[in-house]
Structures are given as structure tokens and as C-alpha cells.
C-alpha atoms as a PDB file:
ATOM      1  CA  UNK A   1     -55.409-123.435  97.337  1.00  0.00           C
ATOM      2  CA  UNK A   2     -53.055-126.439  97.477  1.00  0.00           C
ATOM      3  CA  UNK A   3     -51.701-125.233 100.817  1.00  0.00           C
ATOM      4  CA  UNK A   4     -55.094-125.862 102.422  1.00  0.00           C
ATOM      5  CA  UNK A   5     -55.066-129.489 101.324  1.00  0.00           C
ATOM      6  CA  UNK A   6     -52.212-130.155 103.752  1.00  0.00           C
ATOM      7  CA  UNK A   7     -54.823-130.452 106.521  1.00  0.00           C
ATOM      8  CA  UNK A   8     -55.283-133.964 105.139  1.00  0.00           C
ATOM      9  CA  UNK A   9     -51.931-134.757 106.789  1.00  0.00           C
ATOM     10  CA  UNK A  10     -52.956-133.515 110.219  1.00  0.00           C
ATOM     11  CA  UNK A  11     -53.417-136.316 112.776  1.00  0.00           C
ATOM     12  CA  UNK A  12     -57.084-135.512 113.325  1.00  0.00           C
ATOM     13  CA  UNK A  13     -60.304-137.380 112.455  1.00  0.00           C
ATOM     14  CA  UNK A  14     -61.828-134.395 110.653  1.00  0.00           C
ATOM     15  CA  UNK A  15     -60.544-130.962 109.630  1.00  0.00           C
ATOM     16  CA  UNK A  16     -61.836-128.105 107.503  1.00  0.00           C
ATOM     17  CA  UNK A  17     -60.146-124.839 106.558  1.00  0.00           C
ATOM     18  CA  UNK A  18     -60.634-121.771 104.389  1.00  0.00           C
ATOM     19  CA  UNK A  19     -58.951-118.494 103.494  1.00  0.00           C
ATOM     20  CA  UNK A  20     -60.917-115.292 102.938  1.00  0.00           C
ATOM     21  CA  UNK A  21     -59.406-112.110 101.544  1.00  0.00           C
ATOM     22  CA  UNK A  22     -60.011-108.630 102.912  1.00  0.00           C
ATOM     23  CA  UNK A  23     -62.436-107.945 100.048  1.00  0.00           C
ATOM     24  CA  UNK A  24     -64.603-110.851 101.212  1.00  0.00           C
ATOM     25  CA  UNK A  25     -63.712-113.271  98.422  1.00  0.00           C
ATOM     26  CA  UNK A  26     -62.893-116.828  99.457  1.00  0.00           C
ATOM     27  CA  UNK A  27     -59.409-117.649  98.170  1.00  0.00           C
ATOM     28  CA  UNK A  28     -59.857-121.344  98.871  1.00  0.00           C
ATOM     29  CA  UNK A  29     -61.332-123.976 101.152  1.00  0.00           C
ATOM     30  CA  UNK A  30     -60.825-127.648 101.976  1.00  0.00           C
ATOM     31  CA  UNK A  31     -62.717-130.243 103.945  1.00  0.00           C
ATOM     32  CA  UNK A  32     -66.302-130.231 105.255  1.00  0.00           C
ATOM     33  CA  UNK A  33     -66.694-126.468 105.629  1.00  0.00           C
ATOM     34  CA  UNK A  34     -70.379-126.833 106.499  1.00  0.00           C
ATOM     35  CA  UNK A  35     -69.763-129.201 109.417  1.00  0.00           C
ATOM     36  CA  UNK A  36     -70.346-127.835 112.908  1.00  0.00           C
ATOM     37  CA  UNK A  37     -67.402-128.044 115.311  1.00  0.00           C
ATOM     38  CA  UNK A  38     -67.034-126.918 118.946  1.00  0.00           C
ATOM     39  CA  UNK A  39     -64.958-123.731 118.877  1.00  0.00           C
ATOM     40  CA  UNK A  40     -63.593-123.672 122.440  1.00  0.00           C
ATOM     41  CA  UNK A  41     -61.887-120.278 122.859  1.00  0.00           C
ATOM     42  CA  UNK A  42     -62.425-119.216 119.256  1.00  0.00           C
ATOM     43  CA  UNK A  43     -65.793-118.318 120.805  1.00  0.00           C
ATOM     44  CA  UNK A  44     -64.132-115.305 122.439  1.00  0.00           C
ATOM     45  CA  UNK A  45     -63.695-113.118 119.328  1.00  0.00           C
ATOM     46  CA  UNK A  46     -67.386-113.641 118.496  1.00  0.00           C
ATOM     47  CA  UNK A  47     -68.379-112.712 122.032  1.00  0.00           C
ATOM     48  CA  UNK A  48     -66.062-109.709 122.008  1.00  0.00           C
ATOM     49  CA  UNK A  49     -67.600-108.480 118.757  1.00  0.00           C
ATOM     50  CA  UNK A  50     -71.038-108.604 120.357  1.00  0.00           C
ATOM     51  CA  UNK A  51     -69.708-106.638 123.347  1.00  0.00           C
ATOM     52  CA  UNK A  52     -68.357-104.006 120.942  1.00  0.00           C
ATOM     53  CA  UNK A  53     -71.752-103.796 119.220  1.00  0.00           C
ATOM     54  CA  UNK A  54     -73.304-103.193 122.643  1.00  0.00           C
ATOM     55  CA  UNK A  55     -70.750-100.420 123.161  1.00  0.00           C
ATOM     56  CA  UNK A  56     -71.540 -98.759 119.828  1.00  0.00           C
ATOM     57  CA  UNK A  57     -75.271 -99.051 120.524  1.00  0.00           C
ATOM     58  CA  UNK A  58     -74.729 -97.154 123.771  1.00  0.00           C
ATOM     59  CA  UNK A  59     -75.819-100.007 126.031  1.00  0.00           C
ATOM     60  CA  UNK A  60     -72.421-100.109 127.736  1.00  0.00           C
ATOM     61  CA  UNK A  61     -69.190 -98.115 127.835  1.00  0.00           C
ATOM     62  CA  UNK A  62     -65.770 -99.712 127.516  1.00  0.00           C
ATOM     63  CA  UNK A  63     -64.499 -97.838 130.550  1.00  0.00           C
ATOM     64  CA  UNK A  64     -67.422 -98.440 132.881  1.00  0.00           C
ATOM     65  CA  UNK A  65     -67.001-100.723 135.908  1.00  0.00           C
ATOM     66  CA  UNK A  66     -67.421-104.449 135.199  1.00  0.00           C
ATOM     67  CA  UNK A  67     -66.094-107.571 136.851  1.00  0.00           C
ATOM     68  CA  UNK A  68     -63.952-107.300 139.974  1.00  0.00           C
ATOM     69  CA  UNK A  69     -63.408-104.109 141.976  1.00  0.00           C
ATOM     70  CA  UNK A  70     -61.605-101.488 139.912  1.00  0.00           C
ATOM     71  CA  UNK A  71     -61.972-103.337 136.607  1.00  0.00           C
ATOM     72  CA  UNK A  72     -63.787-102.183 133.473  1.00  0.00           C
ATOM     73  CA  UNK A  73     -65.269-103.713 130.342  1.00  0.00           C
ATOM     74  CA  UNK A  74     -61.995-102.885 128.576  1.00  0.00           C
ATOM     75  CA  UNK A  75     -59.979-104.750 131.237  1.00  0.00           C
ATOM     76  CA  UNK A  76     -62.180-107.824 130.825  1.00  0.00           C
ATOM     77  CA  UNK A  77     -61.862-107.788 127.020  1.00  0.00           C
ATOM     78  CA  UNK A  78     -58.072-107.462 127.259  1.00  0.00           C
ATOM     79  CA  UNK A  79     -57.548-110.133 129.950  1.00  0.00           C
ATOM     80  CA  UNK A  80     -56.257-107.541 132.422  1.00  0.00           C
ATOM     81  CA  UNK A  81     -59.080-107.548 134.973  1.00  0.00           C
ATOM     82  CA  UNK A  82     -57.019-109.614 137.405  1.00  0.00           C
ATOM     83  CA  UNK A  83     -59.504-112.502 137.391  1.00  0.00           C
ATOM     84  CA  UNK A  84     -58.136-116.042 137.442  1.00  0.00           C
ATOM     85  CA  UNK A  85     -58.292-118.343 134.426  1.00  0.00           C
ATOM     86  CA  UNK A  86     -61.307-120.437 135.351  1.00  0.00           C
ATOM     87  CA  UNK A  87     -62.519-119.374 138.783  1.00  0.00           C
ATOM     88  CA  UNK A  88     -64.018-116.241 140.281  1.00  0.00           C
ATOM     89  CA  UNK A  89     -60.854-115.284 142.135  1.00  0.00           C
ATOM     90  CA  UNK A  90     -58.907-112.017 141.843  1.00  0.00           C
ATOM     91  CA  UNK A  91     -55.186-112.580 141.357  1.00  0.00           C
ATOM     92  CA  UNK A  92     -53.951-109.060 140.533  1.00  0.00           C
ATOM     93  CA  UNK A  93     -54.932-105.403 140.444  1.00  0.00           C
ATOM     94  CA  UNK A  94     -56.701-104.481 137.181  1.00  0.00           C
ATOM     95  CA  UNK A  95     -54.313-103.407 134.434  1.00  0.00           C
ATOM     96  CA  UNK A  96     -51.176-104.840 136.039  1.00  0.00           C
ATOM     97  CA  UNK A  97     -50.972-108.387 134.616  1.00  0.00           C
ATOM     98  CA  UNK A  98     -52.185-110.248 131.542  1.00  0.00           C
ATOM     99  CA  UNK A  99     -54.091-113.174 133.064  1.00  0.00           C
ATOM    100  CA  UNK A 100     -55.985-115.086 130.402  1.00  0.00           C
ATOM    101  CA  UNK A 101     -59.444-115.533 131.881  1.00  0.00           C
ATOM    102  CA  UNK A 102     -62.513-117.497 130.864  1.00  0.00           C
ATOM    103  CA  UNK A 103     -64.126-116.086 133.993  1.00  0.00           C
ATOM    104  CA  UNK A 104     -63.565-112.587 132.647  1.00  0.00           C
ATOM    105  CA  UNK A 105     -65.493-113.351 129.472  1.00  0.00           C
ATOM    106  CA  UNK A 106     -68.299-114.881 131.492  1.00  0.00           C
ATOM    107  CA  UNK A 107     -68.403-111.631 133.486  1.00  0.00           C
ATOM    108  CA  UNK A 108     -68.607-109.744 130.184  1.00  0.00           C
ATOM    109  CA  UNK A 109     -71.558-111.834 129.089  1.00  0.00           C
ATOM    110  CA  UNK A 110     -73.335-111.216 132.373  1.00  0.00           C
ATOM    111  CA  UNK A 111     -72.601-107.484 132.152  1.00  0.00           C
ATOM    112  CA  UNK A 112     -74.027-107.131 128.641  1.00  0.00           C
ATOM    113  CA  UNK A 113     -77.053-109.282 129.509  1.00  0.00           C
ATOM    114  CA  UNK A 114     -77.833-107.069 132.491  1.00  0.00           C
ATOM    115  CA  UNK A 115     -77.312-103.850 130.517  1.00  0.00           C
ATOM    116  CA  UNK A 116     -79.483-104.933 127.579  1.00  0.00           C
ATOM    117  CA  UNK A 117     -81.967-107.155 129.439  1.00  0.00           C
ATOM    118  CA  UNK A 118     -81.274-109.827 126.799  1.00  0.00           C
ATOM    119  CA  UNK A 119     -79.539-113.161 127.535  1.00  0.00           C
ATOM    120  CA  UNK A 120     -76.033-112.928 126.109  1.00  0.00           C
ATOM    121  CA  UNK A 121     -76.436-115.857 123.716  1.00  0.00           C
ATOM    122  CA  UNK A 122     -79.497-114.147 122.239  1.00  0.00           C
ATOM    123  CA  UNK A 123     -77.724-110.788 122.105  1.00  0.00           C
ATOM    124  CA  UNK A 124     -74.829-112.408 120.217  1.00  0.00           C
ATOM    125  CA  UNK A 125     -77.319-113.927 117.805  1.00  0.00           C
ATOM    126  CA  UNK A 126     -79.130-110.643 117.184  1.00  0.00           C
ATOM    127  CA  UNK A 127     -76.039-108.418 117.087  1.00  0.00           C
ATOM    128  CA  UNK A 128     -73.566-110.560 115.137  1.00  0.00           C
ATOM    129  CA  UNK A 129     -74.677-113.990 113.971  1.00  0.00           C
ATOM    130  CA  UNK A 130     -77.985-113.136 112.315  1.00  0.00           C
ATOM    131  CA  UNK A 131     -76.767-110.003 110.483  1.00  0.00           C
ATOM    132  CA  UNK A 132     -73.784-111.912 109.089  1.00  0.00           C
ATOM    133  CA  UNK A 133     -75.864-114.908 108.015  1.00  0.00           C
ATOM    134  CA  UNK A 134     -74.080-117.229 110.447  1.00  0.00           C
ATOM    135  CA  UNK A 135     -77.068-119.559 110.661  1.00  0.00           C
ATOM    136  CA  UNK A 136     -75.036-122.589 111.774  1.00  0.00           C
ATOM    137  CA  UNK A 137     -73.416-120.844 114.749  1.00  0.00           C
ATOM    138  CA  UNK A 138     -74.755-121.056 118.295  1.00  0.00           C
ATOM    139  CA  UNK A 139     -73.564-120.188 121.778  1.00  0.00           C
ATOM    140  CA  UNK A 140     -74.463-123.109 124.016  1.00  0.00           C
ATOM    141  CA  UNK A 141     -73.158-121.915 127.369  1.00  0.00           C
ATOM    142  CA  UNK A 142     -70.140-119.834 128.325  1.00  0.00           C
ATOM    143  CA  UNK A 143     -69.231-116.859 126.093  1.00  0.00           C
ATOM    144  CA  UNK A 144     -65.625-117.844 126.773  1.00  0.00           C
ATOM    145  CA  UNK A 145     -65.679-121.284 125.204  1.00  0.00           C
ATOM    146  CA  UNK A 146     -69.045-122.809 124.301  1.00  0.00           C
ATOM    147  CA  UNK A 147     -69.595-121.653 120.729  1.00  0.00           C
ATOM    148  CA  UNK A 148     -70.280-124.131 117.929  1.00  0.00           C
ATOM    149  CA  UNK A 149     -69.781-123.101 114.310  1.00  0.00           C
ATOM    150  CA  UNK A 150     -68.654-124.005 110.802  1.00  0.00           C
ATOM    151  CA  UNK A 151     -65.783-122.851 108.643  1.00  0.00           C
ATOM    152  CA  UNK A 152     -68.326-121.311 106.263  1.00  0.00           C
ATOM    153  CA  UNK A 153     -69.806-119.201 109.067  1.00  0.00           C
ATOM    154  CA  UNK A 154     -66.424-118.141 110.446  1.00  0.00           C
ATOM    155  CA  UNK A 155     -65.389-117.055 106.956  1.00  0.00           C
ATOM    156  CA  UNK A 156     -68.309-114.614 107.109  1.00  0.00           C
ATOM    157  CA  UNK A 157     -67.083-113.359 110.470  1.00  0.00           C
ATOM    158  CA  UNK A 158     -63.474-113.027 109.259  1.00  0.00           C
ATOM    159  CA  UNK A 159     -64.679-111.064 106.237  1.00  0.00           C
ATOM    160  CA  UNK A 160     -66.637-108.747 108.560  1.00  0.00           C
ATOM    161  CA  UNK A 161     -63.636-108.079 110.782  1.00  0.00           C
ATOM    162  CA  UNK A 162     -61.508-107.198 107.745  1.00  0.00           C
ATOM    163  CA  UNK A 163     -64.161-104.884 106.239  1.00  0.00           C
ATOM    164  CA  UNK A 164     -66.558-103.995 109.080  1.00  0.00           C
ATOM    165  CA  UNK A 165     -70.236-103.362 108.469  1.00  0.00           C
ATOM    166  CA  UNK A 166     -71.584-104.055 111.955  1.00  0.00           C
ATOM    167  CA  UNK A 167     -69.017-101.850 113.698  1.00  0.00           C
ATOM    168  CA  UNK A 168     -67.220 -98.613 112.967  1.00  0.00           C
ATOM    169  CA  UNK A 169     -63.818 -99.420 111.474  1.00  0.00           C
ATOM    170  CA  UNK A 170     -62.200 -97.383 114.258  1.00  0.00           C
ATOM    171  CA  UNK A 171     -63.704 -99.693 116.879  1.00  0.00           C
ATOM    172  CA  UNK A 172     -62.268-102.735 115.101  1.00  0.00           C
ATOM    173  CA  UNK A 173     -58.892-100.982 114.849  1.00  0.00           C
ATOM    174  CA  UNK A 174     -59.048-100.488 118.621  1.00  0.00           C
ATOM    175  CA  UNK A 175     -59.820-104.196 119.070  1.00  0.00           C
ATOM    176  CA  UNK A 176     -56.756-105.232 117.034  1.00  0.00           C
ATOM    177  CA  UNK A 177     -54.450-102.736 118.768  1.00  0.00           C
ATOM    178  CA  UNK A 178     -52.516-103.662 121.904  1.00  0.00           C
ATOM    179  CA  UNK A 179     -54.435-102.760 125.054  1.00  0.00           C
ATOM    180  CA  UNK A 180     -52.322-102.101 128.152  1.00  0.00           C
ATOM    181  CA  UNK A 181     -48.984-102.568 126.339  1.00  0.00           C
ATOM    182  CA  UNK A 182     -45.995-104.261 127.895  1.00  0.00           C
ATOM    183  CA  UNK A 183     -47.785-106.677 130.222  1.00  0.00           C
ATOM    184  CA  UNK A 184     -46.328-110.150 130.573  1.00  0.00           C
ATOM    185  CA  UNK A 185     -48.401-113.288 130.961  1.00  0.00           C
ATOM    186  CA  UNK A 186     -48.980-116.900 130.028  1.00  0.00           C
ATOM    187  CA  UNK A 187     -50.216-117.704 126.530  1.00  0.00           C
ATOM    188  CA  UNK A 188     -52.076-120.995 127.094  1.00  0.00           C
ATOM    189  CA  UNK A 189     -50.221-123.867 125.470  1.00  0.00           C
ATOM    190  CA  UNK A 190     -47.172-121.737 124.689  1.00  0.00           C
ATOM    191  CA  UNK A 191     -45.891-120.553 128.043  1.00  0.00           C
ATOM    192  CA  UNK A 192     -44.850-117.173 129.380  1.00  0.00           C
ATOM    193  CA  UNK A 193     -44.629-114.330 126.882  1.00  0.00           C
ATOM    194  CA  UNK A 194     -43.125-110.939 127.601  1.00  0.00           C
ATOM    195  CA  UNK A 195     -44.953-108.993 126.464  1.00  0.00           C
ATOM    196  CA  UNK A 196     -48.132-111.043 126.100  1.00  0.00           C
ATOM    197  CA  UNK A 197     -50.003-108.589 123.907  1.00  0.00           C
ATOM    198  CA  UNK A 198     -53.765-108.625 123.407  1.00  0.00           C
ATOM    199  CA  UNK A 199     -56.284-106.269 121.921  1.00  0.00           C
ATOM    200  CA  UNK A 200     -59.971-106.319 122.857  1.00  0.00           C
ATOM    201  CA  UNK A 201     -60.960-109.966 122.575  1.00  0.00           C
ATOM    202  CA  UNK A 202     -58.251-110.761 120.036  1.00  0.00           C
ATOM    203  CA  UNK A 203     -54.743-112.000 120.709  1.00  0.00           C
ATOM    204  CA  UNK A 204     -52.042-110.061 118.869  1.00  0.00           C
ATOM    205  CA  UNK A 205     -49.035-111.905 117.507  1.00  0.00           C
ATOM    206  CA  UNK A 206     -46.355-109.191 117.718  1.00  0.00           C
ATOM    207  CA  UNK A 207     -43.001-110.946 118.265  1.00  0.00           C
ATOM    208  CA  UNK A 208     -44.246-113.823 120.431  1.00  0.00           C
ATOM    209  CA  UNK A 209     -42.203-116.993 120.267  1.00  0.00           C
ATOM    210  CA  UNK A 210     -43.266-119.743 120.271  1.00  0.00           C
ATOM    211  CA  UNK A 211     -46.605-119.006 118.680  1.00  0.00           C
ATOM    212  CA  UNK A 212     -49.433-120.814 116.933  1.00  0.00           C
ATOM    213  CA  UNK A 213     -49.262-118.674 113.765  1.00  0.00           C
ATOM    214  CA  UNK A 214     -46.428-118.837 111.234  1.00  0.00           C
ATOM    215  CA  UNK A 215     -42.854-117.608 111.225  1.00  0.00           C
ATOM    216  CA  UNK A 216     -43.835-115.361 108.306  1.00  0.00           C
ATOM    217  CA  UNK A 217     -47.034-114.063 109.917  1.00  0.00           C
ATOM    218  CA  UNK A 218     -46.834-110.304 110.305  1.00  0.00           C
ATOM    219  CA  UNK A 219     -46.541-108.871 113.832  1.00  0.00           C
ATOM    220  CA  UNK A 220     -49.953-107.271 113.241  1.00  0.00           C
ATOM    221  CA  UNK A 221     -51.625-110.680 112.901  1.00  0.00           C
ATOM    222  CA  UNK A 222     -54.446-111.102 115.388  1.00  0.00           C
ATOM    223  CA  UNK A 223     -57.007-113.771 116.187  1.00  0.00           C
ATOM    224  CA  UNK A 224     -57.506-116.691 118.533  1.00  0.00           C
ATOM    225  CA  UNK A 225     -57.022-120.411 118.876  1.00  0.00           C
ATOM    226  CA  UNK A 226     -59.054-122.881 120.877  1.00  0.00           C
ATOM    227  CA  UNK A 227     -58.410-125.991 122.924  1.00  0.00           C
ATOM    228  CA  UNK A 228     -60.796-127.843 120.588  1.00  0.00           C
ATOM    229  CA  UNK A 229     -58.068-127.746 117.920  1.00  0.00           C
ATOM    230  CA  UNK A 230     -59.434-124.626 116.231  1.00  0.00           C
ATOM    231  CA  UNK A 231     -58.049-121.289 115.102  1.00  0.00           C
ATOM    232  CA  UNK A 232     -58.834-118.059 113.310  1.00  0.00           C
ATOM    233  CA  UNK A 233     -56.132-115.597 112.329  1.00  0.00           C
ATOM    234  CA  UNK A 234     -56.329-112.346 110.410  1.00  0.00           C
ATOM    235  CA  UNK A 235     -53.124-110.938 108.906  1.00  0.00           C
ATOM    236  CA  UNK A 236     -53.661-107.330 107.793  1.00  0.00           C
ATOM    237  CA  UNK A 237     -50.360-107.296 105.890  1.00  0.00           C
ATOM    238  CA  UNK A 238     -51.479-110.318 103.861  1.00  0.00           C
ATOM    239  CA  UNK A 239     -54.994-108.830 103.509  1.00  0.00           C
ATOM    240  CA  UNK A 240     -56.417-112.230 104.357  1.00  0.00           C
ATOM    241  CA  UNK A 241     -57.734-114.421 107.144  1.00  0.00           C
ATOM    242  CA  UNK A 242     -57.623-118.158 107.724  1.00  0.00           C
ATOM    243  CA  UNK A 243     -59.986-120.432 109.652  1.00  0.00           C
ATOM    244  CA  UNK A 244     -59.258-124.034 110.602  1.00  0.00           C
ATOM    245  CA  UNK A 245     -61.560-126.269 112.651  1.00  0.00           C
ATOM    246  CA  UNK A 246     -60.865-129.838 113.794  1.00  0.00           C
ATOM    247  CA  UNK A 247     -62.346-132.435 116.098  1.00  0.00           C
ATOM    248  CA  UNK A 248     -59.133-133.234 117.976  1.00  0.00           C
ATOM    249  CA  UNK A 249     -58.176-131.261 121.086  1.00  0.00           C
ATOM    250  CA  UNK A 250     -55.216-128.889 120.858  1.00  0.00           C
ATOM    251  CA  UNK A 251     -51.909-130.504 121.764  1.00  0.00           C
ATOM    252  CA  UNK A 252     -48.365-131.113 120.506  1.00  0.00           C
ATOM    253  CA  UNK A 253     -49.760-132.107 117.108  1.00  0.00           C
ATOM    254  CA  UNK A 254     -51.142-128.580 116.642  1.00  0.00           C
ATOM    255  CA  UNK A 255     -47.978-126.891 117.915  1.00  0.00           C
ATOM    256  CA  UNK A 256     -46.124-128.822 115.209  1.00  0.00           C
ATOM    257  CA  UNK A 257     -48.655-128.597 112.373  1.00  0.00           C
ATOM    258  CA  UNK A 258     -50.133-125.107 112.517  1.00  0.00           C
ATOM    259  CA  UNK A 259     -47.116-122.794 111.939  1.00  0.00           C
ATOM    260  CA  UNK A 260     -45.875-124.486 108.720  1.00  0.00           C
ATOM    261  CA  UNK A 261     -49.469-124.651 107.503  1.00  0.00           C
ATOM    262  CA  UNK A 262     -49.852-120.907 108.032  1.00  0.00           C
ATOM    263  CA  UNK A 263     -46.511-120.199 106.337  1.00  0.00           C
ATOM    264  CA  UNK A 264     -47.607-122.269 103.317  1.00  0.00           C
ATOM    265  CA  UNK A 265     -50.903-120.372 103.116  1.00  0.00           C
ATOM    266  CA  UNK A 266     -49.126-117.018 103.293  1.00  0.00           C
ATOM    267  CA  UNK A 267     -46.570-118.071 100.671  1.00  0.00           C
ATOM    268  CA  UNK A 268     -49.348-119.109  98.316  1.00  0.00           C
ATOM    269  CA  UNK A 269     -51.171-115.828  98.852  1.00  0.00           C
ATOM    270  CA  UNK A 270     -47.977-113.895  98.066  1.00  0.00           C
ATOM    271  CA  UNK A 271     -47.375-115.969  94.943  1.00  0.00           C
ATOM    272  CA  UNK A 272     -50.900-115.273  93.731  1.00  0.00           C
ATOM    273  CA  UNK A 273     -50.438-111.553  94.323  1.00  0.00           C
END
């Protein structure tokens, strides 16, 4: 895909990207897709998927207590537990505000580890990474931000999310559907959004502006970006997903480069039919 080659113009030392269709075929790739990059918050969708496997296995329930008083697993997945961004401090009643929280995902990891008696990094490996053949992906600390992976591995994950084998399709539909609709909040790097819609571990584009996806991305687009200069989006209307990993931290360069890149990818997919 010529659109993917535009990553050569990004002001980053190294970048790799790929597009995978809903049927699992790779539409195109560019750059060192086998190179391992820190994911930063693109770790969260992987962690969330493992939490959902634990739910389907009966180890946990989405509506059981977890995290701060009054919060549940579902609240933690949807960033509505009330926990602060990066400290164990309660800032709101559960379900009343969308407060993006690394601490919440760390609480999720602890909750699943306690319920399964398996360290969360190992549970993620057994539940998601190993079955999908993601041999180059590891969790080296926090389930909120310490994943390391390759474009090739994340293509496998994006294919799974589009055509689930590890989860019931209804569970994935729940994850990509707005949880606790209408809540406002800060989208890191992009300011206050009203509403700031999220599913279960995935951010949902809806009509957010500004946003890290494209102007032509469908409102149903969901995914995540990371402060390591990384992103993964899945656009159900385009029946495709895109992964891009870099070794330059997120900043104004990404705000400028990512949306037109995504629009070019989507235009090329439409032209191909």
C-alpha cells in the first residue's frame, strides 16, 4: 500500500506500519514490522482482552467489585472507576466521570491475578499472546503501559479483534460499544472531550475533535494510541485495522502526521474495494 510508505516522512528514527483486513489478510506493510517497540498505552487493549478472557472463563465477573469502593471490573475497563491518572487516589464516584487511569488498569491486573492465582503478565501470555502466536510480545511491568511488541504481532491481535476466536463475538461487541455513555473527560494529548466515549479497554472515536484518527474515520472506529508514538485503530466500516509503531514519543509531530496518514490509508482501502 503506497499510503503506508508515507511513514518514511514522519520525523522519527524508526517506524513500522501495517493494515490488516477483517478477514485476516494483510493489505500491506512498511518498515521493520518484526522490530520490537515499547507500546506505552497500546498495552491496554491487550490487557483488556485478557481481562475479558478471564470473564468468559468464569474467573471474574464484569460487574463484581474491583478497585475503589463502589467500583467494578467494568468501571475499571471503561475508565470510570474514579481513580486518578497515575496515583492511587479516588477523584470521583464510580460511573460519574471519565478519568483516564493507568492506576485503574493496574488494579485490573491485580484483580485478575488474585482471582486466577496467576501473575497477570503470565495470564496475558497464556490467554492471549500464546494462542495468537504473538511470540515477540511481552508485558514487562504495568498492564497499563509496559507492553513491548511488533507490528507483525499486533496485526495478529487486530485480526483477532475483527474476527474473534478467543472471545465470543458478543463480548467483543460489548468492548467496542460505549460504556457509561455521555461522560465527559480528558483525552490525553487532545484535551477535554464531551462526550469522551470509551468501551471496555478501547477508546471509541465517535465525533471527537481533535482526534488521533482521520477525518474520514467512521464514528465506530475504536482502538488506542500510546505515548511511545504508537497506535492501533480498527474501523468496522472500513473492515480493516491499522497498526503503527515508532521509537519517538508522542507529541505535536504525531498530532500533525497521524490523521492524514489514516485518511490516506482509508482512501486507498476504498479505492481497492
